[in-house]
Amino acid sequence: MPVEQRSGSSQARAITFGVVAVVVAVGVAWAFITWASRGDGPVQLRLGDDVFTAGQAERLAAQVAQEGPVLFSDVSGRGQLQPIYVAHFGDDARLQWSPVSALAPGAQEGCFLAWNAERNLFEERANVDGAGRQVGELCRDTTWSADGSGGSDGSALEVFPWRIDTEGNLVIDLRTPDGPTTTTG
């Protein structure tokens, strides 16, 4: 059976073509991944939930009235990337909710908001030992009101839009933190 013999230059061209094809394929894949991960294209990858149902508004309003704002440690399912506090004001459970981010603007790693019932405001405290702090120690001497406004350093907390659904549940939209606006209905 005859076997084709190639010249050395034919083999070199075949190897060069193969290497160039692999390099081009890796470059195209890298460019596509870089473009897709920017997050401003038509396709965005988001893991976890965009809407969080906190529970029955009547029950939650009663709990907030007794204990202060309620902490939900991670409402997005993304691994402590979006803890929130939910505060309520007034007597009507269908009105005046304030879901705010439990991460203060510019917070250092391991620092989260904590409700201080005596002072009736949020403080930024360490939740782990490290970085020269113990658990519960103040991270910064900055405070915020229960609705997320009035930061003693001039900042405001992220406030998330909300609504009461037809079953009486408080539903919080995590996609668009907008500031101190609320939605009813």
N, C-alpha and C. Protein backbone atom coordinates (compact mmCIF):
# COMPACT_ATOMS: atom_id res chain seq x y z
N MET A 1 0.85 -1.16 0.00
CA MET A 1 0.00 0.00 0.00
C MET A 1 0.90 1.22 0.00
N PRO A 2 0.66 2.16 -0.92
CA PRO A 2 1.52 3.33 -1.01
C PRO A 2 1.21 4.34 0.10
N VAL A 3 2.23 5.00 0.59
CA VAL A 3 2.12 6.03 1.63
C VAL A 3 2.60 7.34 1.02
N GLU A 4 1.80 8.41 1.23
CA GLU A 4 2.17 9.70 0.67
C GLU A 4 3.34 10.28 1.45
N GLN A 5 4.27 10.76 0.74
CA GLN A 5 5.39 11.43 1.37
C GLN A 5 5.27 12.92 1.12
N ARG A 6 5.44 13.69 2.18
CA ARG A 6 5.38 15.15 2.05
C ARG A 6 6.76 15.71 2.23
N SER A 7 6.94 16.83 1.61
CA SER A 7 8.23 17.51 1.78
C SER A 7 8.23 18.21 3.13
N GLY A 8 9.38 18.59 3.58
CA GLY A 8 9.55 19.30 4.85
C GLY A 8 8.81 20.62 4.86
N SER A 9 8.79 21.31 3.72
CA SER A 9 8.10 22.61 3.68
C SER A 9 6.58 22.43 3.77
N SER A 10 6.03 21.37 3.23
CA SER A 10 4.59 21.10 3.34
C SER A 10 4.21 20.81 4.79
N GLN A 11 5.04 20.05 5.46
CA GLN A 11 4.78 19.75 6.87
C GLN A 11 4.88 21.01 7.73
N ALA A 12 5.84 21.86 7.46
CA ALA A 12 6.01 23.11 8.20
C ALA A 12 4.80 24.02 7.99
N ARG A 13 4.31 24.11 6.73
CA ARG A 13 3.12 24.91 6.46
C ARG A 13 1.91 24.37 7.20
N ALA A 14 1.73 23.08 7.26
CA ALA A 14 0.59 22.46 7.95
C ALA A 14 0.65 22.74 9.45
N ILE A 15 1.83 22.62 10.03
CA ILE A 15 1.99 22.89 11.46
C ILE A 15 1.76 24.38 11.74
N THR A 16 2.31 25.25 10.92
CA THR A 16 2.13 26.69 11.09
C THR A 16 0.65 27.06 10.98
N PHE A 17 -0.04 26.49 9.97
CA PHE A 17 -1.47 26.76 9.82
C PHE A 17 -2.24 26.31 11.06
N GLY A 18 -1.92 25.15 11.60
CA GLY A 18 -2.60 24.63 12.80
C GLY A 18 -2.37 25.53 14.01
N VAL A 19 -1.13 25.98 14.21
CA VAL A 19 -0.81 26.85 15.34
C VAL A 19 -1.54 28.19 15.19
N VAL A 20 -1.51 28.77 13.99
CA VAL A 20 -2.18 30.05 13.75
C VAL A 20 -3.69 29.90 13.99
N ALA A 21 -4.28 28.80 13.55
CA ALA A 21 -5.72 28.58 13.74
C ALA A 21 -6.06 28.50 15.23
N VAL A 22 -5.24 27.83 16.02
CA VAL A 22 -5.48 27.74 17.47
C VAL A 22 -5.35 29.11 18.11
N VAL A 23 -4.33 29.88 17.75
CA VAL A 23 -4.13 31.21 18.32
C VAL A 23 -5.30 32.13 17.96
N VAL A 24 -5.76 32.09 16.73
CA VAL A 24 -6.91 32.91 16.32
C VAL A 24 -8.16 32.49 17.09
N ALA A 25 -8.40 31.19 17.24
CA ALA A 25 -9.58 30.71 17.97
C ALA A 25 -9.54 31.16 19.43
N VAL A 26 -8.39 31.07 20.07
CA VAL A 26 -8.25 31.53 21.47
C VAL A 26 -8.47 33.04 21.55
N GLY A 27 -7.92 33.80 20.60
CA GLY A 27 -8.10 35.25 20.59
C GLY A 27 -9.56 35.65 20.41
N VAL A 28 -10.26 34.98 19.50
CA VAL A 28 -11.68 35.28 19.29
C VAL A 28 -12.48 34.93 20.54
N ALA A 29 -12.20 33.79 21.16
CA ALA A 29 -12.90 33.39 22.38
C ALA A 29 -12.64 34.40 23.49
N TRP A 30 -11.40 34.83 23.66
CA TRP A 30 -11.06 35.82 24.69
C TRP A 30 -11.80 37.14 24.43
N ALA A 31 -11.81 37.60 23.18
CA ALA A 31 -12.49 38.85 22.84
C ALA A 31 -13.99 38.74 23.12
N PHE A 32 -14.60 37.62 22.78
CA PHE A 32 -16.03 37.43 23.02
C PHE A 32 -16.34 37.42 24.51
N ILE A 33 -15.54 36.73 25.30
CA ILE A 33 -15.75 36.67 26.75
C ILE A 33 -15.57 38.05 27.36
N THR A 34 -14.56 38.79 26.94
CA THR A 34 -14.32 40.15 27.45
C THR A 34 -15.50 41.05 27.11
N TRP A 35 -15.98 40.98 25.88
CA TRP A 35 -17.11 41.80 25.47
C TRP A 35 -18.37 41.43 26.26
N ALA A 36 -18.63 40.15 26.42
CA ALA A 36 -19.83 39.68 27.12
C ALA A 36 -19.79 40.02 28.61
N SER A 37 -18.63 40.06 29.22
CA SER A 37 -18.54 40.31 30.66
C SER A 37 -18.61 41.79 31.02
N ARG A 38 -18.62 42.68 30.03
CA ARG A 38 -18.73 44.11 30.33
C ARG A 38 -20.08 44.45 30.94
N GLY A 39 -21.10 43.70 30.62
CA GLY A 39 -22.41 43.89 31.20
C GLY A 39 -23.25 44.97 30.55
N ASP A 40 -22.75 45.62 29.48
CA ASP A 40 -23.56 46.66 28.85
C ASP A 40 -24.04 46.24 27.46
N GLY A 41 -23.82 45.01 27.10
CA GLY A 41 -24.28 44.51 25.81
C GLY A 41 -25.72 44.03 25.88
N PRO A 42 -26.21 43.50 24.77
CA PRO A 42 -27.60 43.05 24.73
C PRO A 42 -27.87 41.82 25.60
N VAL A 43 -26.84 41.04 25.89
CA VAL A 43 -27.01 39.86 26.72
C VAL A 43 -26.21 40.05 28.00
N GLN A 44 -26.88 39.92 29.14
CA GLN A 44 -26.20 40.06 30.42
C GLN A 44 -26.44 38.81 31.23
N LEU A 45 -25.40 38.28 31.82
CA LEU A 45 -25.48 37.09 32.65
C LEU A 45 -25.68 37.52 34.09
N ARG A 46 -26.79 37.09 34.68
CA ARG A 46 -27.07 37.39 36.08
C ARG A 46 -27.51 36.11 36.74
N LEU A 47 -26.82 35.76 37.79
CA LEU A 47 -27.20 34.58 38.54
C LEU A 47 -27.98 35.02 39.76
N GLY A 48 -28.95 34.23 40.18
CA GLY A 48 -29.76 34.58 41.33
C GLY A 48 -31.05 35.25 40.92
N ASP A 49 -31.80 35.71 41.90
CA ASP A 49 -33.11 36.30 41.65
C ASP A 49 -33.03 37.81 41.52
N ASP A 50 -33.92 38.37 40.70
CA ASP A 50 -34.01 39.82 40.54
C ASP A 50 -35.13 40.42 41.37
N VAL A 51 -36.04 39.57 41.83
CA VAL A 51 -37.17 40.02 42.63
C VAL A 51 -37.21 39.16 43.88
N PHE A 52 -37.42 39.80 45.03
CA PHE A 52 -37.44 39.10 46.30
C PHE A 52 -38.79 39.32 46.97
N THR A 53 -39.45 38.23 47.35
CA THR A 53 -40.70 38.32 48.10
C THR A 53 -40.35 38.19 49.57
N ALA A 54 -40.53 39.27 50.32
CA ALA A 54 -40.13 39.32 51.73
C ALA A 54 -41.13 38.61 52.64
N GLY A 55 -42.36 38.48 52.20
CA GLY A 55 -43.38 37.82 53.01
C GLY A 55 -44.62 38.67 53.13
N GLN A 56 -45.56 38.22 53.96
CA GLN A 56 -46.82 38.92 54.16
C GLN A 56 -46.58 40.30 54.76
N ALA A 57 -47.07 41.33 54.10
CA ALA A 57 -46.83 42.70 54.53
C ALA A 57 -47.37 42.97 55.93
N GLU A 58 -48.55 42.45 56.26
CA GLU A 58 -49.13 42.67 57.60
C GLU A 58 -48.22 42.10 58.69
N ARG A 59 -47.79 40.87 58.51
CA ARG A 59 -46.93 40.22 59.49
C ARG A 59 -45.59 40.94 59.61
N LEU A 60 -45.03 41.29 58.46
CA LEU A 60 -43.73 41.96 58.43
C LEU A 60 -43.81 43.35 59.08
N ALA A 61 -44.90 44.08 58.82
CA ALA A 61 -45.08 45.41 59.43
C ALA A 61 -45.15 45.30 60.95
N ALA A 62 -45.84 44.27 61.44
CA ALA A 62 -45.93 44.06 62.90
C ALA A 62 -44.56 43.74 63.49
N GLN A 63 -43.79 42.92 62.78
CA GLN A 63 -42.45 42.57 63.25
C GLN A 63 -41.55 43.81 63.29
N VAL A 64 -41.59 44.64 62.25
CA VAL A 64 -40.78 45.86 62.21
C VAL A 64 -41.19 46.80 63.34
N ALA A 65 -42.49 46.90 63.61
CA ALA A 65 -42.97 47.78 64.68
C ALA A 65 -42.43 47.34 66.05
N GLN A 66 -42.27 46.03 66.25
CA GLN A 66 -41.78 45.53 67.54
C GLN A 66 -40.26 45.52 67.64
N GLU A 67 -39.57 45.15 66.56
CA GLU A 67 -38.13 44.88 66.63
C GLU A 67 -37.26 45.85 65.84
N GLY A 68 -37.84 46.68 64.99
CA GLY A 68 -37.05 47.54 64.11
C GLY A 68 -36.88 46.88 62.76
N PRO A 69 -36.13 47.50 61.86
CA PRO A 69 -35.96 46.95 60.51
C PRO A 69 -35.48 45.50 60.54
N VAL A 70 -36.01 44.71 59.59
CA VAL A 70 -35.70 43.28 59.51
C VAL A 70 -34.58 43.07 58.50
N LEU A 71 -33.57 42.29 58.89
CA LEU A 71 -32.44 41.98 58.01
C LEU A 71 -32.71 40.69 57.26
N PHE A 72 -32.53 40.74 55.93
CA PHE A 72 -32.54 39.55 55.08
C PHE A 72 -31.11 39.43 54.58
N SER A 73 -30.41 38.36 54.99
CA SER A 73 -28.96 38.30 54.80
C SER A 73 -28.51 38.26 53.35
N ASP A 74 -29.20 37.57 52.45
CA ASP A 74 -28.85 37.63 51.03
C ASP A 74 -30.08 37.31 50.22
N VAL A 75 -30.70 38.33 49.70
CA VAL A 75 -31.96 38.15 48.99
C VAL A 75 -31.77 37.79 47.52
N SER A 76 -30.55 37.88 47.01
CA SER A 76 -30.33 37.63 45.59
C SER A 76 -29.93 36.20 45.29
N GLY A 77 -29.46 35.47 46.29
CA GLY A 77 -28.94 34.14 46.03
C GLY A 77 -27.55 34.18 45.43
N ARG A 78 -26.87 35.29 45.54
CA ARG A 78 -25.55 35.46 44.92
C ARG A 78 -24.42 35.43 45.94
N GLY A 79 -24.65 34.92 47.13
CA GLY A 79 -23.58 34.76 48.12
C GLY A 79 -23.21 36.03 48.85
N GLN A 80 -24.11 36.59 49.61
CA GLN A 80 -23.90 37.80 50.43
C GLN A 80 -23.57 39.03 49.60
N LEU A 81 -23.99 39.04 48.35
CA LEU A 81 -23.76 40.23 47.55
C LEU A 81 -24.87 41.25 47.71
N GLN A 82 -26.05 40.83 48.22
CA GLN A 82 -27.13 41.77 48.37
C GLN A 82 -27.95 41.52 49.63
N PRO A 83 -27.38 41.77 50.81
CA PRO A 83 -28.20 41.75 52.02
C PRO A 83 -29.00 43.05 52.08
N ILE A 84 -30.23 42.97 52.59
CA ILE A 84 -31.05 44.18 52.72
C ILE A 84 -31.73 44.23 54.08
N TYR A 85 -32.06 45.45 54.49
CA TYR A 85 -32.92 45.69 55.64
C TYR A 85 -34.25 46.19 55.09
N VAL A 86 -35.33 45.78 55.74
CA VAL A 86 -36.65 46.25 55.36
C VAL A 86 -37.25 46.99 56.55
N ALA A 87 -37.55 48.27 56.36
CA ALA A 87 -38.18 49.10 57.39
C ALA A 87 -39.60 49.45 56.94
N HIS A 88 -40.45 49.74 57.90
CA HIS A 88 -41.82 50.15 57.61
C HIS A 88 -42.19 51.31 58.51
N PHE A 89 -42.96 52.24 57.97
CA PHE A 89 -43.38 53.43 58.71
C PHE A 89 -44.89 53.56 58.62
N GLY A 90 -45.54 53.92 59.69
CA GLY A 90 -46.98 54.15 59.68
C GLY A 90 -47.77 52.92 60.08
N ASP A 91 -49.10 53.05 59.96
CA ASP A 91 -50.01 51.99 60.41
C ASP A 91 -50.52 51.11 59.27
N ASP A 92 -50.42 51.57 58.03
CA ASP A 92 -50.94 50.82 56.89
C ASP A 92 -49.84 49.96 56.28
N ALA A 93 -50.02 48.64 56.33
CA ALA A 93 -48.99 47.72 55.83
C ALA A 93 -48.85 47.75 54.31
N ARG A 94 -49.74 48.44 53.62
CA ARG A 94 -49.65 48.54 52.16
C ARG A 94 -48.85 49.78 51.72
N LEU A 95 -48.44 50.60 52.68
CA LEU A 95 -47.75 51.86 52.37
C LEU A 95 -46.47 52.00 53.19
N GLN A 96 -45.60 52.88 52.73
CA GLN A 96 -44.42 53.37 53.44
C GLN A 96 -43.39 52.29 53.81
N TRP A 97 -42.98 51.50 52.85
CA TRP A 97 -41.90 50.53 53.06
C TRP A 97 -40.59 51.15 52.61
N SER A 98 -39.50 50.70 53.20
CA SER A 98 -38.18 51.18 52.81
C SER A 98 -37.18 50.02 52.83
N PRO A 99 -37.05 49.29 51.71
CA PRO A 99 -36.02 48.25 51.63
C PRO A 99 -34.69 48.88 51.21
N VAL A 100 -33.68 48.78 52.07
CA VAL A 100 -32.38 49.42 51.81
C VAL A 100 -31.27 48.38 51.81
N SER A 101 -30.23 48.66 51.08
CA SER A 101 -29.05 47.79 51.07
C SER A 101 -28.40 47.78 52.44
N ALA A 102 -27.99 46.60 52.90
CA ALA A 102 -27.30 46.48 54.19
C ALA A 102 -25.80 46.70 54.03
N LEU A 103 -25.38 47.07 52.83
CA LEU A 103 -23.98 47.42 52.57
C LEU A 103 -23.91 48.92 52.34
N ALA A 104 -23.21 49.60 53.21
CA ALA A 104 -23.09 51.06 53.10
C ALA A 104 -22.19 51.42 51.92
N PRO A 105 -22.41 52.60 51.32
CA PRO A 105 -21.53 53.04 50.24
C PRO A 105 -20.09 53.13 50.75
N GLY A 106 -19.16 52.52 50.04
CA GLY A 106 -17.75 52.55 50.42
C GLY A 106 -17.39 51.64 51.57
N ALA A 107 -18.27 50.70 51.91
CA ALA A 107 -18.01 49.80 53.04
C ALA A 107 -16.79 48.93 52.79
N GLN A 108 -16.01 48.73 53.83
CA GLN A 108 -14.88 47.82 53.74
C GLN A 108 -15.38 46.38 53.85
N GLU A 109 -14.59 45.44 53.38
CA GLU A 109 -14.98 44.03 53.45
C GLU A 109 -15.21 43.64 54.91
N GLY A 110 -16.30 42.91 55.14
CA GLY A 110 -16.63 42.47 56.49
C GLY A 110 -17.41 43.48 57.30
N CYS A 111 -17.78 44.62 56.70
CA CYS A 111 -18.55 45.65 57.40
C CYS A 111 -19.95 45.74 56.80
N PHE A 112 -20.95 45.58 57.65
CA PHE A 112 -22.35 45.63 57.23
C PHE A 112 -23.10 46.57 58.16
N LEU A 113 -24.29 46.96 57.74
CA LEU A 113 -25.11 47.80 58.60
C LEU A 113 -25.70 46.97 59.73
N ALA A 114 -25.87 47.61 60.86
CA ALA A 114 -26.53 47.01 62.02
C ALA A 114 -27.50 48.04 62.57
N TRP A 115 -28.68 47.60 62.96
CA TRP A 115 -29.69 48.50 63.50
C TRP A 115 -29.40 48.75 64.97
N ASN A 116 -29.32 50.00 65.36
CA ASN A 116 -29.14 50.39 66.74
C ASN A 116 -30.49 50.89 67.25
N ALA A 117 -31.19 50.03 68.00
CA ALA A 117 -32.55 50.36 68.46
C ALA A 117 -32.55 51.52 69.45
N GLU A 118 -31.50 51.67 70.24
CA GLU A 118 -31.43 52.77 71.21
C GLU A 118 -31.33 54.12 70.51
N ARG A 119 -30.55 54.17 69.46
CA ARG A 119 -30.36 55.43 68.73
C ARG A 119 -31.32 55.57 67.55
N ASN A 120 -32.03 54.48 67.21
CA ASN A 120 -33.01 54.47 66.13
C ASN A 120 -32.36 54.83 64.78
N LEU A 121 -31.23 54.16 64.48
CA LEU A 121 -30.51 54.39 63.22
C LEU A 121 -29.61 53.21 62.89
N PHE A 122 -29.10 53.21 61.66
CA PHE A 122 -28.16 52.19 61.22
C PHE A 122 -26.74 52.65 61.50
N GLU A 123 -25.89 51.70 61.92
CA GLU A 123 -24.46 51.92 62.08
C GLU A 123 -23.73 50.88 61.25
N GLU A 124 -22.50 51.17 60.89
CA GLU A 124 -21.70 50.21 60.14
C GLU A 124 -20.79 49.46 61.11
N ARG A 125 -20.99 48.14 61.20
CA ARG A 125 -20.24 47.33 62.17
C ARG A 125 -19.60 46.12 61.49
N ALA A 126 -18.51 45.65 62.10
CA ALA A 126 -17.81 44.46 61.59
C ALA A 126 -18.61 43.21 61.93
N ASN A 127 -18.71 42.30 60.96
CA ASN A 127 -19.40 41.04 61.24
C ASN A 127 -18.42 39.87 61.31
N VAL A 128 -17.13 40.15 61.13
CA VAL A 128 -16.08 39.14 61.28
C VAL A 128 -14.88 39.78 61.94
N ASP A 129 -14.09 38.97 62.64
CA ASP A 129 -12.83 39.47 63.20
C ASP A 129 -11.83 39.68 62.06
N GLY A 130 -11.02 40.69 62.18
CA GLY A 130 -9.98 40.93 61.19
C GLY A 130 -9.88 42.40 60.86
N ALA A 131 -8.84 42.75 60.13
CA ALA A 131 -8.57 44.13 59.72
C ALA A 131 -8.56 45.07 60.93
N GLY A 132 -8.05 44.56 62.07
CA GLY A 132 -7.94 45.39 63.26
C GLY A 132 -9.24 45.58 64.01
N ARG A 133 -10.28 44.81 63.67
CA ARG A 133 -11.59 44.94 64.33
C ARG A 133 -12.07 43.60 64.84
N GLN A 134 -12.90 43.67 65.86
CA GLN A 134 -13.58 42.48 66.36
C GLN A 134 -15.04 42.55 65.93
N VAL A 135 -15.72 41.41 65.96
CA VAL A 135 -17.13 41.35 65.60
C VAL A 135 -17.91 42.35 66.44
N GLY A 136 -18.75 43.14 65.79
CA GLY A 136 -19.59 44.11 66.46
C GLY A 136 -18.97 45.48 66.63
N GLU A 137 -17.69 45.61 66.36
CA GLU A 137 -17.01 46.89 66.51
C GLU A 137 -17.37 47.81 65.34
N LEU A 138 -17.48 49.12 65.60
CA LEU A 138 -17.77 50.09 64.54
C LEU A 138 -16.69 50.06 63.48
N CYS A 139 -17.11 50.08 62.21
CA CYS A 139 -16.16 50.18 61.11
C CYS A 139 -15.85 51.65 60.83
N ARG A 140 -16.90 52.44 60.73
CA ARG A 140 -16.77 53.90 60.55
C ARG A 140 -17.81 54.56 61.44
N ASP A 141 -17.55 55.76 61.81
CA ASP A 141 -18.50 56.50 62.64
C ASP A 141 -19.48 57.25 61.74
N THR A 142 -20.24 56.47 60.94
CA THR A 142 -21.24 57.02 60.04
C THR A 142 -22.56 56.34 60.34
N THR A 143 -23.64 57.09 60.34
CA THR A 143 -24.95 56.54 60.63
C THR A 143 -25.95 56.94 59.55
N TRP A 144 -27.04 56.16 59.43
CA TRP A 144 -28.11 56.44 58.48
C TRP A 144 -29.45 56.24 59.16
N SER A 145 -30.46 56.97 58.72
CA SER A 145 -31.81 56.80 59.27
C SER A 145 -32.42 55.50 58.75
N ALA A 146 -33.54 55.10 59.30
CA ALA A 146 -34.19 53.83 58.95
C ALA A 146 -34.61 53.78 57.49
N ASP A 147 -34.86 54.92 56.86
CA ASP A 147 -35.26 54.90 55.45
C ASP A 147 -34.06 54.98 54.50
N GLY A 148 -32.84 54.95 55.04
CA GLY A 148 -31.63 54.94 54.23
C GLY A 148 -31.08 56.31 53.91
N SER A 149 -31.78 57.35 54.30
CA SER A 149 -31.32 58.70 53.99
C SER A 149 -30.54 59.27 55.17
N GLY A 150 -30.06 60.47 54.98
CA GLY A 150 -29.45 61.21 56.08
C GLY A 150 -28.16 60.64 56.62
N GLY A 151 -27.32 60.07 55.75
CA GLY A 151 -26.04 59.59 56.21
C GLY A 151 -25.25 60.71 56.85
N SER A 152 -24.66 60.45 58.02
CA SER A 152 -23.93 61.51 58.71
C SER A 152 -22.72 61.98 57.91
N ASP A 153 -22.33 61.22 56.89
CA ASP A 153 -21.24 61.64 56.01
C ASP A 153 -21.77 62.20 54.69
N GLY A 154 -23.10 62.40 54.60
CA GLY A 154 -23.72 62.94 53.40
C GLY A 154 -24.17 61.89 52.40
N SER A 155 -23.90 60.63 52.68
CA SER A 155 -24.28 59.56 51.75
C SER A 155 -25.69 59.07 52.04
N ALA A 156 -26.22 58.31 51.11
CA ALA A 156 -27.52 57.66 51.30
C ALA A 156 -27.36 56.19 50.93
N LEU A 157 -28.15 55.35 51.54
CA LEU A 157 -28.13 53.93 51.22
C LEU A 157 -28.95 53.67 49.95
N GLU A 158 -28.64 52.58 49.26
CA GLU A 158 -29.45 52.19 48.11
C GLU A 158 -30.83 51.78 48.61
N VAL A 159 -31.85 52.33 48.00
CA VAL A 159 -33.23 52.01 48.33
C VAL A 159 -33.84 51.32 47.12
N PHE A 160 -34.48 50.18 47.34
CA PHE A 160 -35.02 49.38 46.25
C PHE A 160 -36.53 49.61 46.08
N PRO A 161 -36.99 49.64 44.83
CA PRO A 161 -38.43 49.75 44.57
C PRO A 161 -39.16 48.53 45.13
N TRP A 162 -40.41 48.74 45.53
CA TRP A 162 -41.19 47.67 46.12
C TRP A 162 -42.65 47.80 45.71
N ARG A 163 -43.40 46.72 45.95
CA ARG A 163 -44.84 46.74 45.72
C ARG A 163 -45.47 45.70 46.62
N ILE A 164 -46.76 45.82 46.82
CA ILE A 164 -47.53 44.81 47.53
C ILE A 164 -48.31 44.05 46.47
N ASP A 165 -48.13 42.73 46.39
CA ASP A 165 -48.82 41.96 45.35
C ASP A 165 -50.26 41.66 45.76
N THR A 166 -50.98 40.98 44.89
CA THR A 166 -52.41 40.71 45.12
C THR A 166 -52.65 39.80 46.32
N GLU A 167 -51.64 39.08 46.76
CA GLU A 167 -51.77 38.19 47.92
C GLU A 167 -51.33 38.87 49.22
N GLY A 168 -50.96 40.14 49.15
CA GLY A 168 -50.55 40.88 50.34
C GLY A 168 -49.09 40.73 50.71
N ASN A 169 -48.27 40.24 49.77
CA ASN A 169 -46.84 40.07 50.02
C ASN A 169 -46.07 41.32 49.62
N LEU A 170 -45.03 41.62 50.39
CA LEU A 170 -44.09 42.69 50.04
C LEU A 170 -43.10 42.11 49.03
N VAL A 171 -43.05 42.70 47.83
CA VAL A 171 -42.18 42.24 46.75
C VAL A 171 -41.18 43.35 46.46
N ILE A 172 -39.89 43.01 46.49
CA ILE A 172 -38.82 43.99 46.33
C ILE A 172 -38.09 43.72 45.03
N ASP A 173 -37.92 44.76 44.21
CA ASP A 173 -37.23 44.65 42.92
C ASP A 173 -35.75 44.96 43.14
N LEU A 174 -34.90 43.96 42.96
CA LEU A 174 -33.46 44.13 43.20
C LEU A 174 -32.71 44.62 41.97
N ARG A 175 -33.38 44.74 40.85
CA ARG A 175 -32.69 45.12 39.61
C ARG A 175 -32.30 46.58 39.56
N THR A 176 -33.09 47.46 40.15
CA THR A 176 -32.86 48.89 39.95
C THR A 176 -32.91 49.65 41.25
N PRO A 177 -31.83 49.67 42.02
CA PRO A 177 -31.85 50.54 43.19
C PRO A 177 -31.95 51.97 42.72
N ASP A 178 -32.93 52.71 43.24
CA ASP A 178 -33.26 54.02 42.70
C ASP A 178 -33.14 55.18 43.66
N GLY A 179 -32.87 54.94 44.89
CA GLY A 179 -32.93 56.03 45.84
C GLY A 179 -34.26 55.96 46.59
N PRO A 180 -34.63 56.99 47.29
CA PRO A 180 -35.76 56.92 48.20
C PRO A 180 -37.13 57.01 47.54
N THR A 181 -37.37 56.23 46.48
CA THR A 181 -38.70 56.20 45.88
C THR A 181 -39.40 54.93 46.32
N THR A 182 -40.72 54.96 46.31
CA THR A 182 -41.49 53.78 46.66
C THR A 182 -42.57 53.57 45.63
N THR A 183 -43.06 52.38 45.57
CA THR A 183 -44.14 52.03 44.67
C THR A 183 -45.19 51.32 45.47
N THR A 184 -46.43 51.59 45.21
CA THR A 184 -47.49 50.87 45.89
C THR A 184 -48.34 50.16 44.87
N GLY A 185 -49.17 49.25 45.35
CA GLY A 185 -50.09 48.57 44.44
C GLY A 185 -49.70 47.19 44.33
